[in-house]
Structures are given as C-alpha cells and as structure tokens.
N, C-alpha and C. Protein backbone atom coordinates (compact mmCIF):
# COMPACT_ATOMS: atom_id res chain seq x y z
N MET A 1 -0.69 13.13 -8.13
CA MET A 1 0.73 13.22 -7.84
C MET A 1 1.42 11.97 -8.38
N ALA A 2 2.49 12.15 -9.07
CA ALA A 2 3.27 11.03 -9.61
C ALA A 2 4.18 10.46 -8.53
N PHE A 3 4.47 9.17 -8.66
CA PHE A 3 5.39 8.55 -7.72
C PHE A 3 6.81 9.08 -7.96
N SER A 4 7.55 9.28 -6.89
CA SER A 4 8.96 9.59 -7.04
C SER A 4 9.70 8.28 -7.28
N LYS A 5 10.99 8.35 -7.52
CA LYS A 5 11.72 7.11 -7.73
C LYS A 5 11.92 6.35 -6.42
N TYR A 6 11.65 6.99 -5.28
CA TYR A 6 11.73 6.33 -3.98
C TYR A 6 10.33 6.03 -3.50
N ARG A 7 9.97 4.75 -3.46
CA ARG A 7 8.62 4.38 -3.06
C ARG A 7 8.57 2.97 -2.50
N ILE A 8 7.58 2.74 -1.72
CA ILE A 8 7.30 1.42 -1.17
C ILE A 8 5.90 1.07 -1.62
N LEU A 9 5.73 -0.09 -2.20
CA LEU A 9 4.42 -0.54 -2.65
C LEU A 9 3.99 -1.72 -1.79
N ILE A 10 2.83 -1.61 -1.18
CA ILE A 10 2.26 -2.70 -0.39
C ILE A 10 0.89 -3.00 -0.97
N TYR A 11 0.68 -4.25 -1.32
CA TYR A 11 -0.62 -4.65 -1.85
C TYR A 11 -1.30 -5.56 -0.84
N SER A 12 -2.61 -5.43 -0.76
CA SER A 12 -3.39 -6.17 0.22
C SER A 12 -4.75 -6.49 -0.37
N GLU A 13 -5.36 -7.57 0.11
CA GLU A 13 -6.73 -7.85 -0.27
C GLU A 13 -7.68 -6.81 0.31
N ASN A 14 -7.25 -6.15 1.41
CA ASN A 14 -8.10 -5.17 2.07
C ASN A 14 -7.29 -3.92 2.45
N PRO A 15 -6.98 -3.06 1.48
CA PRO A 15 -6.19 -1.88 1.78
C PRO A 15 -6.92 -0.88 2.67
N ASP A 16 -8.26 -0.92 2.71
CA ASP A 16 -9.01 0.01 3.56
C ASP A 16 -8.67 -0.19 5.03
N THR A 17 -8.53 -1.43 5.45
CA THR A 17 -8.16 -1.73 6.83
C THR A 17 -6.69 -1.42 7.07
N LEU A 18 -5.85 -1.78 6.13
CA LEU A 18 -4.41 -1.59 6.28
C LEU A 18 -4.03 -0.11 6.35
N VAL A 19 -4.68 0.74 5.56
CA VAL A 19 -4.35 2.16 5.55
C VAL A 19 -4.66 2.81 6.90
N LYS A 20 -5.66 2.31 7.60
CA LYS A 20 -6.00 2.86 8.92
C LYS A 20 -4.84 2.70 9.90
N PHE A 21 -4.14 1.56 9.85
CA PHE A 21 -2.98 1.34 10.70
C PHE A 21 -1.89 2.38 10.42
N TYR A 22 -1.58 2.58 9.16
CA TYR A 22 -0.51 3.52 8.79
C TYR A 22 -0.88 4.96 9.13
N GLU A 23 -2.17 5.29 9.04
CA GLU A 23 -2.61 6.64 9.39
C GLU A 23 -2.74 6.83 10.90
N ASP A 24 -3.40 5.90 11.56
CA ASP A 24 -3.70 6.05 12.99
C ASP A 24 -2.53 5.73 13.90
N VAL A 25 -1.80 4.67 13.61
CA VAL A 25 -0.72 4.23 14.49
C VAL A 25 0.61 4.90 14.12
N LEU A 26 0.96 4.87 12.84
CA LEU A 26 2.23 5.44 12.40
C LEU A 26 2.12 6.93 12.06
N GLU A 27 0.90 7.43 12.02
CA GLU A 27 0.61 8.85 11.77
C GLU A 27 1.17 9.36 10.44
N LEU A 28 1.11 8.51 9.40
CA LEU A 28 1.48 8.95 8.07
C LEU A 28 0.31 9.71 7.46
N LYS A 29 0.62 10.71 6.66
CA LYS A 29 -0.41 11.57 6.08
C LYS A 29 -0.83 11.03 4.72
N ARG A 30 -2.14 10.85 4.52
CA ARG A 30 -2.67 10.44 3.23
C ARG A 30 -2.63 11.64 2.30
N ILE A 31 -1.99 11.47 1.14
CA ILE A 31 -1.88 12.60 0.22
C ILE A 31 -2.59 12.37 -1.10
N ASP A 32 -2.98 11.13 -1.37
CA ASP A 32 -3.70 10.86 -2.61
C ASP A 32 -4.43 9.54 -2.49
N GLN A 33 -5.45 9.37 -3.33
CA GLN A 33 -6.23 8.14 -3.32
C GLN A 33 -6.67 7.85 -4.74
N LEU A 34 -6.53 6.60 -5.16
CA LEU A 34 -6.98 6.16 -6.47
C LEU A 34 -8.26 5.35 -6.27
N SER A 35 -9.30 5.71 -6.99
CA SER A 35 -10.58 5.00 -6.86
C SER A 35 -11.14 4.68 -8.23
N LEU A 36 -10.80 3.50 -8.71
CA LEU A 36 -11.36 2.98 -9.96
C LEU A 36 -12.15 1.73 -9.61
N PRO A 37 -13.09 1.32 -10.45
CA PRO A 37 -13.91 0.15 -10.12
C PRO A 37 -13.12 -1.10 -9.73
N ASP A 38 -12.07 -1.42 -10.46
CA ASP A 38 -11.30 -2.64 -10.17
C ASP A 38 -9.90 -2.37 -9.65
N ASP A 39 -9.61 -1.13 -9.33
CA ASP A 39 -8.26 -0.78 -8.88
C ASP A 39 -8.34 0.43 -7.96
N TYR A 40 -7.86 0.28 -6.77
CA TYR A 40 -7.85 1.43 -5.88
C TYR A 40 -6.75 1.28 -4.85
N GLY A 41 -6.40 2.41 -4.22
CA GLY A 41 -5.38 2.39 -3.20
C GLY A 41 -5.12 3.79 -2.66
N TYR A 42 -4.12 3.87 -1.80
CA TYR A 42 -3.82 5.10 -1.07
C TYR A 42 -2.34 5.41 -1.14
N MET A 43 -2.00 6.71 -1.28
CA MET A 43 -0.62 7.14 -1.22
C MET A 43 -0.43 7.92 0.08
N LEU A 44 0.57 7.51 0.85
CA LEU A 44 0.88 8.16 2.12
C LEU A 44 2.29 8.71 2.06
N GLN A 45 2.51 9.84 2.70
CA GLN A 45 3.85 10.43 2.75
C GLN A 45 4.60 9.85 3.93
N VAL A 46 5.78 9.30 3.67
CA VAL A 46 6.62 8.74 4.72
C VAL A 46 7.52 9.84 5.28
N ALA A 47 8.31 10.47 4.42
CA ALA A 47 9.20 11.57 4.80
C ALA A 47 9.70 12.23 3.53
N GLY A 48 9.68 13.56 3.50
CA GLY A 48 10.16 14.28 2.33
C GLY A 48 9.46 13.84 1.07
N ASP A 49 10.24 13.37 0.09
CA ASP A 49 9.63 12.90 -1.16
C ASP A 49 9.55 11.37 -1.23
N GLN A 50 9.48 10.73 -0.08
CA GLN A 50 9.33 9.27 -0.02
C GLN A 50 7.89 8.94 0.33
N TYR A 51 7.31 8.06 -0.48
CA TYR A 51 5.90 7.74 -0.35
C TYR A 51 5.67 6.25 -0.23
N LEU A 52 4.56 5.92 0.39
CA LEU A 52 4.11 4.54 0.55
C LEU A 52 2.80 4.40 -0.19
N TRP A 53 2.70 3.40 -1.03
CA TRP A 53 1.46 3.12 -1.75
C TRP A 53 0.85 1.84 -1.19
N ILE A 54 -0.40 1.91 -0.76
CA ILE A 54 -1.14 0.74 -0.30
C ILE A 54 -2.27 0.52 -1.28
N GLY A 55 -2.20 -0.57 -2.02
CA GLY A 55 -3.18 -0.82 -3.07
C GLY A 55 -3.86 -2.16 -2.92
N ARG A 56 -4.98 -2.30 -3.62
CA ARG A 56 -5.74 -3.55 -3.59
C ARG A 56 -5.14 -4.53 -4.59
N HIS A 57 -5.01 -5.78 -4.13
CA HIS A 57 -4.53 -6.86 -4.99
C HIS A 57 -5.12 -8.15 -4.45
N SER A 58 -5.93 -8.80 -5.26
CA SER A 58 -6.62 -10.01 -4.80
C SER A 58 -5.73 -11.25 -4.83
N GLU A 59 -4.55 -11.16 -5.41
CA GLU A 59 -3.67 -12.33 -5.55
C GLU A 59 -2.51 -12.33 -4.56
N VAL A 60 -2.62 -11.63 -3.46
CA VAL A 60 -1.53 -11.57 -2.47
C VAL A 60 -1.66 -12.79 -1.56
N LYS A 61 -1.14 -13.92 -2.06
CA LYS A 61 -1.20 -15.17 -1.32
C LYS A 61 0.02 -16.00 -1.68
N GLY A 62 0.61 -16.59 -0.68
CA GLY A 62 1.72 -17.50 -0.93
C GLY A 62 3.01 -16.80 -1.31
N LYS A 63 3.93 -17.59 -1.85
CA LYS A 63 5.27 -17.13 -2.19
C LYS A 63 5.26 -16.34 -3.51
N ALA A 64 6.08 -15.29 -3.57
CA ALA A 64 6.18 -14.47 -4.78
C ALA A 64 6.79 -15.28 -5.92
N LYS A 65 6.34 -15.05 -7.14
CA LYS A 65 6.87 -15.75 -8.30
C LYS A 65 8.24 -15.24 -8.69
N GLU A 66 8.50 -13.94 -8.50
CA GLU A 66 9.80 -13.36 -8.79
C GLU A 66 10.55 -13.16 -7.49
N ASN A 67 11.85 -13.48 -7.46
CA ASN A 67 12.61 -13.40 -6.21
C ASN A 67 12.88 -11.96 -5.75
N PHE A 68 12.66 -10.96 -6.61
CA PHE A 68 12.88 -9.58 -6.20
C PHE A 68 11.63 -8.97 -5.58
N ARG A 69 10.50 -9.67 -5.60
CA ARG A 69 9.27 -9.17 -5.00
C ARG A 69 9.07 -9.81 -3.65
N HIS A 70 8.54 -9.02 -2.75
CA HIS A 70 8.23 -9.52 -1.42
C HIS A 70 6.79 -9.16 -1.10
N PHE A 71 6.00 -10.13 -0.78
CA PHE A 71 4.62 -9.89 -0.41
C PHE A 71 4.50 -9.88 1.10
N VAL A 72 3.90 -8.84 1.63
CA VAL A 72 3.63 -8.76 3.04
C VAL A 72 2.13 -8.98 3.19
N GLN A 73 1.80 -10.03 3.90
CA GLN A 73 0.40 -10.40 4.03
C GLN A 73 -0.10 -10.00 5.41
N SER A 74 -1.21 -9.28 5.46
CA SER A 74 -1.80 -8.94 6.74
C SER A 74 -2.93 -9.92 7.02
N VAL A 75 -3.00 -10.37 8.26
CA VAL A 75 -3.99 -11.37 8.64
C VAL A 75 -4.99 -10.69 9.58
N SER A 76 -6.27 -10.80 9.24
CA SER A 76 -7.31 -10.24 10.10
C SER A 76 -7.65 -11.25 11.19
N ARG A 77 -7.85 -10.75 12.39
CA ARG A 77 -8.20 -11.66 13.49
C ARG A 77 -9.56 -11.33 14.01
C-alpha cells in the first residue's frame, strides 16, 4: 500500500516495542509491514486514509538537524 499525502512518520531504534503500544493501547490496526535486512517498519491506520508509519532508525538521538523535523524519542525503562 502506498502512503497517502496525509501521514505521520515516527522513527525509533526499537519499532517492535513502539508498535505494540499503538496496537494494544491505542487500538490502531496494522495494515502493512516492511521487512528488509536493514530497513523495516509498520504502517498503522489512524482514521480513513490517514496512516502512521513506525520505522527503524538508529540515528534518533538528540536535536533534529532540520527545523521542520521533530524526533520523538521513546525511552525504555
């Protein structure tokens, strides 16, 4: 499934843990999954044709280099 023009992208060092929150707590439906050796993630349906992408990114640390990007960092306890 291709992304619509309305999307939210969240990158994490551990998307496997993060996707469980969105599925179990927020009850979003997983509709697609990308599984490549160095790139993977999950597409969840938010509402209608709006989707959330949770993908793996090993460089999600510190302040974003571009001011239009916002990194949301999840901390494991």
